[in-house]
Amino acid sequence: MEKVKTEFAVGRILATDVTIIEPGVRKGPLFRRGHVIEESDIPLLISIGKHYVWVGTEGSSMVHEDDVAGRMMSLIAGENLKITPPSESKVKLIAEERGVFIVNKVGLKKVNEIKDANVAVKRNFTFVQKGDPVAIGKVMPKEIPISQMEEIEKVANAFKPIVKVLPILPHKIALFPVGNELLEGLREEKMSNKIKNYLLSLGQEIIIKKILPDDEEEISNEGLEAIKSGADFVIFMGGMAVDPDDRTVDGIELMDVKVVKYGVPLWPGQTFMIAYKRDVVVLGVPVAAGLAEKNTSFHRLMPILLSNYRLTREEVIDMAEGGFIDVSGL
């Protein structure tokens, strides 16, 4: 492409989108790439400060920014993502399913280390809805050498997919509120219904709901029986602190589970436990997380777990950045 003085560009083909910015009104393409410039376009172009324009040339060995952005974003995209056409040489990725947005952080960094390549994405493990834009990318110059495009392809292919959306999958869930005070009628049990309604909104099936005492043997036995009954998620609610009466953690450990993390860097609901009994997810949910409608450790972690993504201890620890979710009650 070549730069041409606007008044001499009549009859030439625009090589890039021309953007108009009217604060508070609009920002977007005034003319799109491929538009043949007419005499009547000249005053409008000059009025928005475009005294020069980029026009196409034949036989170029360079790759246009639109083509680079489209190719780059298609290479980084994994499952359940669709690519938008370029607009102002930016290409977006859109979620095609409700689910959890997963980012290969190393791959993303490697792509952005390449000269002129820029890709921005939503935070790893973001819960997204169908139709949400989750990533955007472009290159800085109007065109780049083929060798540079090949470098982008090499890095993106090495880490592909760099981003993807894992859909929420259906599960059979057992819910166990824990507390002697609940069985004795000293306090109304409210948490399980809030958690149940949230899980139902995500398409889950509740197969067991039963109040348990603060007794590790009974907690363990009921959890194991739930697994025998077909539950692939067992959720204990309450008794997750370190007070003398709290026995939920001991009861979960008695099930011979593999604990990923007890205590997560997410507030509210820090005394959360994530564990596995083979492929069954076993959770301990603190009252602070279970009684709220949103914005707790439970609401941050549950969509991830329901997508069948198996969190590691290191990934949970990484959630400390952004883990101060809701400060209203703290």
Protein backbone atom coordinates (compact mmCIF):
# COMPACT_ATOMS: atom_id res chain seq x y z
CA MET A 1 0.00 0.00 0.00
CA GLU A 2 1.07 3.61 -0.38
CA LYS A 3 0.27 6.91 1.29
CA VAL A 4 -1.42 9.40 -1.05
CA LYS A 5 -2.49 13.00 -0.52
CA THR A 6 -6.26 12.90 -0.10
CA GLU A 7 -7.14 15.33 -2.91
CA PHE A 8 -5.19 13.16 -5.37
CA ALA A 9 -6.82 9.89 -4.25
CA VAL A 10 -10.02 10.03 -6.32
CA GLY A 11 -10.56 6.68 -8.04
CA ARG A 12 -8.09 4.86 -5.79
CA ILE A 13 -9.08 1.97 -3.51
CA LEU A 14 -8.78 2.45 0.24
CA ALA A 15 -6.36 -0.07 1.74
CA THR A 16 -7.63 0.43 5.32
CA ASP A 17 -10.76 1.43 7.17
CA VAL A 18 -10.99 5.17 7.80
CA THR A 19 -12.20 5.86 11.34
CA ILE A 20 -14.38 8.76 12.41
CA ILE A 21 -14.53 9.81 16.07
CA GLU A 22 -17.31 12.06 17.33
CA PRO A 23 -17.06 12.21 21.14
CA GLY A 24 -20.27 11.03 22.74
CA VAL A 25 -21.81 10.22 19.36
CA ARG A 26 -19.88 7.52 17.55
CA LYS A 27 -16.54 5.92 16.85
CA GLY A 28 -16.26 3.59 13.90
CA PRO A 29 -15.49 3.20 10.21
CA LEU A 30 -16.45 6.13 7.99
CA PHE A 31 -15.23 4.24 4.92
CA ARG A 32 -14.16 0.62 4.86
CA ARG A 33 -11.22 -1.04 3.21
CA GLY A 34 -12.00 -1.57 -0.49
CA HIS A 35 -14.02 1.66 -0.85
CA VAL A 36 -13.31 3.48 -4.12
CA ILE A 37 -12.69 7.12 -3.26
CA GLU A 38 -15.03 9.56 -4.98
CA GLU A 39 -14.75 13.30 -5.48
CA SER A 40 -17.53 13.87 -2.92
CA ASP A 41 -15.53 11.97 -0.28
CA ILE A 42 -12.62 14.41 -0.29
CA PRO A 43 -14.13 17.25 1.81
CA LEU A 44 -15.42 14.77 4.40
CA LEU A 45 -12.06 13.05 4.68
CA ILE A 46 -10.24 16.35 5.11
CA SER A 47 -12.84 17.54 7.67
CA ILE A 48 -11.88 14.66 10.00
CA GLY A 49 -8.17 15.33 9.61
CA LYS A 50 -7.39 12.77 6.90
CA HIS A 51 -5.08 14.79 4.62
CA TYR A 52 -3.47 11.54 3.51
CA VAL A 53 -4.96 8.08 2.98
CA TRP A 54 -3.60 4.59 2.47
CA VAL A 55 -4.45 3.14 -0.94
CA GLY A 56 -3.76 -0.28 -2.42
CA THR A 57 -0.90 -1.20 -4.70
CA GLU A 58 -0.49 -4.27 -6.85
CA GLY A 59 2.11 -6.97 -6.28
CA SER A 60 2.84 -6.17 -2.61
CA SER A 61 4.86 -8.75 -0.65
CA MET A 62 3.39 -7.46 2.61
CA VAL A 63 0.38 -8.84 4.53
CA HIS A 64 -2.47 -6.43 5.26
CA GLU A 65 -3.34 -5.73 8.90
CA ASP A 66 -6.90 -7.04 8.43
CA ASP A 67 -5.60 -10.35 7.13
CA VAL A 68 -2.99 -10.60 9.90
CA ALA A 69 -5.55 -9.94 12.65
CA GLY A 70 -7.99 -12.47 11.24
CA ARG A 71 -5.33 -15.14 10.86
CA MET A 72 -3.81 -14.45 14.29
CA MET A 73 -7.14 -14.61 16.13
CA SER A 74 -8.23 -17.76 14.29
CA LEU A 75 -4.98 -19.43 15.34
CA ILE A 76 -5.31 -18.62 19.05
CA ALA A 77 -9.01 -19.57 19.21
CA GLY A 78 -10.09 -22.91 20.62
CA GLU A 79 -13.50 -24.46 21.16
CA ASN A 80 -16.75 -22.50 21.42
CA LEU A 81 -15.37 -19.27 19.99
CA LYS A 82 -16.25 -17.51 16.75
CA ILE A 83 -14.30 -14.83 14.92
CA THR A 84 -15.72 -11.47 13.83
CA PRO A 85 -14.84 -9.81 10.52
CA PRO A 86 -12.20 -7.10 10.89
CA SER A 87 -13.44 -3.64 11.81
CA GLU A 88 -10.83 -0.87 11.91
CA SER A 89 -8.44 -3.82 11.56
CA LYS A 90 -9.49 -5.23 14.94
CA VAL A 91 -10.79 -8.80 15.15
CA LYS A 92 -12.74 -10.12 18.14
CA LEU A 93 -13.51 -13.56 19.51
CA ILE A 94 -17.10 -14.15 20.67
CA ALA A 95 -18.29 -16.87 23.05
CA GLU A 96 -20.65 -19.33 21.37
CA GLU A 97 -21.62 -21.02 24.66
CA ARG A 98 -22.24 -20.02 28.26
CA GLY A 99 -19.23 -21.26 30.13
CA VAL A 100 -15.77 -20.60 31.50
CA PHE A 101 -13.16 -18.68 29.52
CA ILE A 102 -9.78 -20.41 29.74
CA VAL A 103 -6.49 -18.68 28.91
CA ASN A 104 -3.08 -20.23 28.25
CA LYS A 105 -1.16 -17.39 29.89
CA VAL A 106 2.24 -18.50 28.60
CA GLY A 107 1.01 -18.69 25.01
CA LEU A 108 -0.74 -15.34 25.26
CA LYS A 109 2.42 -13.70 26.53
CA LYS A 110 4.50 -15.27 23.74
CA VAL A 111 2.16 -13.91 21.05
CA ASN A 112 2.28 -10.42 22.54
CA GLU A 113 6.09 -10.56 22.64
CA ILE A 114 6.14 -10.68 18.82
CA LYS A 115 6.79 -7.30 17.25
CA ASP A 116 3.58 -5.42 16.37
CA ALA A 117 1.22 -8.21 17.60
CA ASN A 118 -1.35 -7.21 20.23
CA VAL A 119 -3.97 -9.51 21.74
CA ALA A 120 -6.05 -8.65 24.82
CA VAL A 121 -8.39 -11.12 26.55
CA LYS A 122 -10.72 -11.34 29.52
CA ARG A 123 -9.28 -12.64 32.77
CA ASN A 124 -8.60 -16.37 32.96
CA PHE A 125 -11.57 -18.38 34.37
CA THR A 126 -14.09 -15.62 33.65
CA PHE A 127 -17.67 -16.93 33.55
CA VAL A 128 -19.06 -15.74 30.21
CA GLN A 129 -22.43 -15.80 28.50
CA LYS A 130 -23.15 -16.79 24.91
CA GLY A 131 -22.47 -13.76 22.72
CA ASP A 132 -19.94 -12.12 25.05
CA PRO A 133 -16.81 -10.73 23.37
CA VAL A 134 -13.84 -12.32 25.15
CA ALA A 135 -10.76 -11.32 23.13
CA ILE A 136 -9.59 -8.69 20.65
CA GLY A 137 -6.46 -8.44 18.52
CA LYS A 138 -4.71 -6.41 15.84
CA VAL A 139 -1.26 -5.47 14.61
CA MET A 140 0.17 -1.97 14.76
CA PRO A 141 1.34 -1.22 11.20
CA LYS A 142 -0.99 -1.19 8.24
CA GLU A 143 0.89 -4.18 6.82
CA ILE A 144 3.69 -6.49 7.92
CA PRO A 145 6.22 -8.71 6.11
CA ILE A 146 5.24 -12.30 5.38
CA SER A 147 8.10 -13.47 7.63
CA GLN A 148 6.51 -11.67 10.58
CA MET A 149 3.15 -13.28 9.86
CA GLU A 150 4.90 -16.66 9.80
CA GLU A 151 6.40 -15.95 13.23
CA ILE A 152 2.93 -15.24 14.63
CA GLU A 153 1.66 -18.49 13.10
CA LYS A 154 4.56 -20.49 14.54
CA VAL A 155 4.05 -19.23 18.09
CA ALA A 156 0.26 -19.47 18.01
CA ASN A 157 0.38 -23.02 16.67
CA ALA A 158 2.88 -24.03 19.36
CA PHE A 159 0.44 -23.07 22.14
CA LYS A 160 -2.91 -23.59 20.41
CA PRO A 161 -5.49 -23.19 21.70
CA ILE A 162 -4.45 -20.09 23.60
CA VAL A 163 -8.05 -19.29 24.56
CA LYS A 164 -11.24 -21.36 24.69
CA VAL A 165 -14.64 -21.55 26.37
CA LEU A 166 -15.57 -24.67 28.31
CA PRO A 167 -19.36 -25.07 28.58
CA ILE A 168 -21.14 -25.72 31.87
CA LEU A 169 -21.98 -29.44 31.98
CA PRO A 170 -24.86 -31.15 33.84
CA HIS A 171 -24.09 -32.95 37.09
CA LYS A 172 -25.85 -34.82 39.88
CA ILE A 173 -25.28 -32.96 43.13
CA ALA A 174 -25.68 -33.84 46.81
CA LEU A 175 -26.14 -30.92 49.22
CA PHE A 176 -25.39 -31.32 52.93
CA PRO A 177 -25.92 -28.37 55.28
CA VAL A 178 -23.90 -29.07 58.43
CA GLY A 179 -24.60 -27.89 61.98
CA ASN A 180 -26.01 -29.20 65.24
CA GLU A 181 -27.89 -25.93 65.66
CA LEU A 182 -29.74 -26.63 62.40
CA LEU A 183 -30.86 -30.12 63.52
CA GLU A 184 -31.88 -28.79 66.93
CA GLY A 185 -33.97 -26.02 65.37
CA LEU A 186 -31.91 -23.27 66.99
CA ARG A 187 -31.20 -21.64 63.63
CA GLU A 188 -33.12 -21.75 60.38
CA GLU A 189 -31.29 -23.51 57.56
CA LYS A 190 -31.24 -21.06 54.65
CA MET A 191 -28.00 -21.75 52.83
CA SER A 192 -28.92 -24.90 50.93
CA ASN A 193 -31.87 -23.28 49.14
CA LYS A 194 -29.72 -20.38 47.96
CA ILE A 195 -27.07 -22.75 46.68
CA LYS A 196 -29.70 -25.06 45.19
CA ASN A 197 -31.33 -22.21 43.25
CA TYR A 198 -27.99 -21.04 41.93
CA LEU A 199 -27.07 -24.56 40.79
CA LEU A 200 -30.47 -25.07 39.17
CA SER A 201 -29.93 -21.86 37.21
CA LEU A 202 -26.82 -23.51 35.79
CA GLY A 203 -28.73 -26.61 34.70
CA GLN A 204 -27.72 -28.90 37.57
CA GLU A 205 -29.73 -31.72 39.23
CA ILE A 206 -29.96 -31.92 43.00
CA ILE A 207 -30.36 -35.58 43.97
CA ILE A 208 -29.85 -35.34 47.76
CA LYS A 209 -30.42 -32.55 50.30
CA LYS A 210 -29.97 -33.49 53.95
CA ILE A 211 -28.94 -31.68 57.14
CA LEU A 212 -26.02 -33.30 58.99
CA PRO A 213 -24.68 -32.85 62.54
CA ASP A 214 -21.21 -31.59 63.42
CA ASP A 215 -19.85 -35.14 63.45
CA GLU A 216 -16.97 -36.13 61.18
CA GLU A 217 -18.00 -39.80 61.00
CA GLU A 218 -21.50 -38.98 59.84
CA ILE A 219 -20.26 -36.32 57.44
CA SER A 220 -17.86 -38.82 55.88
CA ASN A 221 -20.40 -41.65 55.72
CA GLU A 222 -23.12 -39.52 54.14
CA GLY A 223 -20.68 -38.16 51.58
CA LEU A 224 -19.56 -41.64 50.57
CA GLU A 225 -23.16 -42.86 50.39
CA ALA A 226 -24.01 -39.92 48.12
CA ILE A 227 -21.23 -40.97 45.77
CA LYS A 228 -22.61 -44.54 45.73
CA SER A 229 -26.02 -43.05 44.87
CA GLY A 230 -24.59 -41.40 41.76
CA ALA A 231 -23.58 -37.94 42.91
CA ASP A 232 -20.59 -36.53 41.04
CA PHE A 233 -20.56 -33.38 43.20
CA VAL A 234 -20.83 -33.57 46.98
CA ILE A 235 -21.17 -30.19 48.66
CA PHE A 236 -21.00 -29.68 52.43
CA MET A 237 -22.17 -26.29 53.68
CA GLY A 238 -21.08 -24.74 56.95
CA GLY A 239 -18.70 -25.75 59.72
CA MET A 240 -15.67 -24.76 57.61
CA ALA A 241 -13.93 -22.54 60.17
CA VAL A 242 -11.44 -23.61 62.86
CA ASP A 243 -13.81 -23.31 65.82
CA PRO A 244 -13.96 -26.28 68.25
CA ASP A 245 -17.45 -27.29 67.05
CA ASP A 246 -16.61 -27.22 63.34
CA ARG A 247 -16.09 -30.79 62.07
CA THR A 248 -16.77 -30.47 58.32
CA VAL A 249 -13.14 -30.34 57.22
CA ASP A 250 -12.30 -33.42 59.30
CA GLY A 251 -15.31 -35.23 57.87
CA ILE A 252 -14.30 -34.46 54.27
CA GLU A 253 -10.73 -35.61 54.89
CA LEU A 254 -12.09 -38.82 56.41
CA MET A 255 -13.61 -39.62 52.99
CA ASP A 256 -10.05 -40.24 51.77
CA VAL A 257 -10.15 -37.41 49.27
CA LYS A 258 -7.32 -35.60 47.55
CA VAL A 259 -7.46 -32.01 48.79
CA VAL A 260 -6.52 -29.41 46.21
CA LYS A 261 -6.77 -26.47 48.61
CA TYR A 262 -8.38 -25.71 51.94
CA GLY A 263 -8.47 -21.95 52.30
CA VAL A 264 -8.61 -19.98 49.07
CA PRO A 265 -7.43 -16.41 48.33
CA LEU A 266 -10.98 -15.31 47.55
CA TRP A 267 -13.11 -13.03 49.74
CA PRO A 268 -15.77 -13.45 50.94
CA GLY A 269 -15.70 -17.19 51.52
CA GLN A 270 -12.02 -17.77 52.15
CA THR A 271 -12.47 -21.00 54.19
CA PHE A 272 -13.49 -22.93 51.07
CA MET A 273 -12.26 -26.47 50.39
CA ILE A 274 -11.80 -28.11 46.98
CA ALA A 275 -11.16 -31.85 46.96
CA TYR A 276 -11.61 -34.89 44.72
CA LYS A 277 -12.63 -38.46 45.42
CA ARG A 278 -11.33 -39.88 42.15
CA ASP A 279 -13.53 -38.02 39.60
CA VAL A 280 -16.09 -36.81 42.14
CA VAL A 281 -15.80 -33.18 43.25
CA VAL A 282 -16.10 -32.73 47.02
CA LEU A 283 -16.51 -29.18 48.31
CA GLY A 284 -16.70 -27.47 51.65
CA VAL A 285 -18.53 -24.15 51.41
CA PRO A 286 -18.34 -21.60 54.24
CA VAL A 287 -21.46 -19.79 55.40
CA ALA A 288 -20.10 -16.47 54.13
CA ALA A 289 -20.13 -17.84 50.58
CA GLY A 290 -23.29 -19.93 50.76
CA LEU A 291 -25.69 -17.27 52.05
CA ALA A 292 -24.85 -14.66 49.43
CA GLU A 293 -26.55 -14.41 46.04
CA LYS A 294 -23.35 -13.60 44.14
CA ASN A 295 -19.75 -12.35 44.36
CA THR A 296 -18.18 -14.95 46.66
CA SER A 297 -15.61 -17.72 46.41
CA PHE A 298 -18.46 -20.16 45.67
CA HIS A 299 -19.73 -18.13 42.72
CA ARG A 300 -16.20 -17.64 41.36
CA LEU A 301 -15.22 -21.31 41.61
CA MET A 302 -18.45 -23.19 40.87
CA PRO A 303 -18.73 -22.46 37.11
CA ILE A 304 -15.11 -23.59 36.66
CA LEU A 305 -15.72 -26.86 38.46
CA LEU A 306 -19.01 -27.45 36.63
CA SER A 307 -17.16 -27.20 33.32
CA ASN A 308 -15.13 -30.25 34.46
CA TYR A 309 -11.95 -28.19 34.48
CA ARG A 310 -9.74 -29.72 37.16
CA LEU A 311 -8.15 -26.89 39.10
CA THR A 312 -4.64 -27.23 40.48
CA ARG A 313 -3.39 -25.77 43.74
CA GLU A 314 -1.22 -23.32 41.78
CA GLU A 315 -4.19 -22.09 39.73
CA VAL A 316 -6.22 -21.48 42.88
CA ILE A 317 -3.33 -19.54 44.40
CA ASP A 318 -3.11 -17.43 41.21
CA MET A 319 -6.69 -16.30 41.87
CA ALA A 320 -5.34 -14.07 44.64
CA GLU A 321 -5.01 -11.34 42.01
CA GLY A 322 -8.63 -10.29 41.62
CA GLY A 323 -9.67 -12.41 44.61
CA PHE A 324 -10.89 -9.46 46.69
CA ILE A 325 -14.32 -9.88 45.13
CA ASP A 326 -16.79 -8.02 47.33
CA VAL A 327 -15.73 -5.61 50.05
CA SER A 328 -19.22 -4.54 51.13
CA GLY A 329 -19.39 -6.84 54.14
CA LEU A 330 -15.74 -6.69 55.17
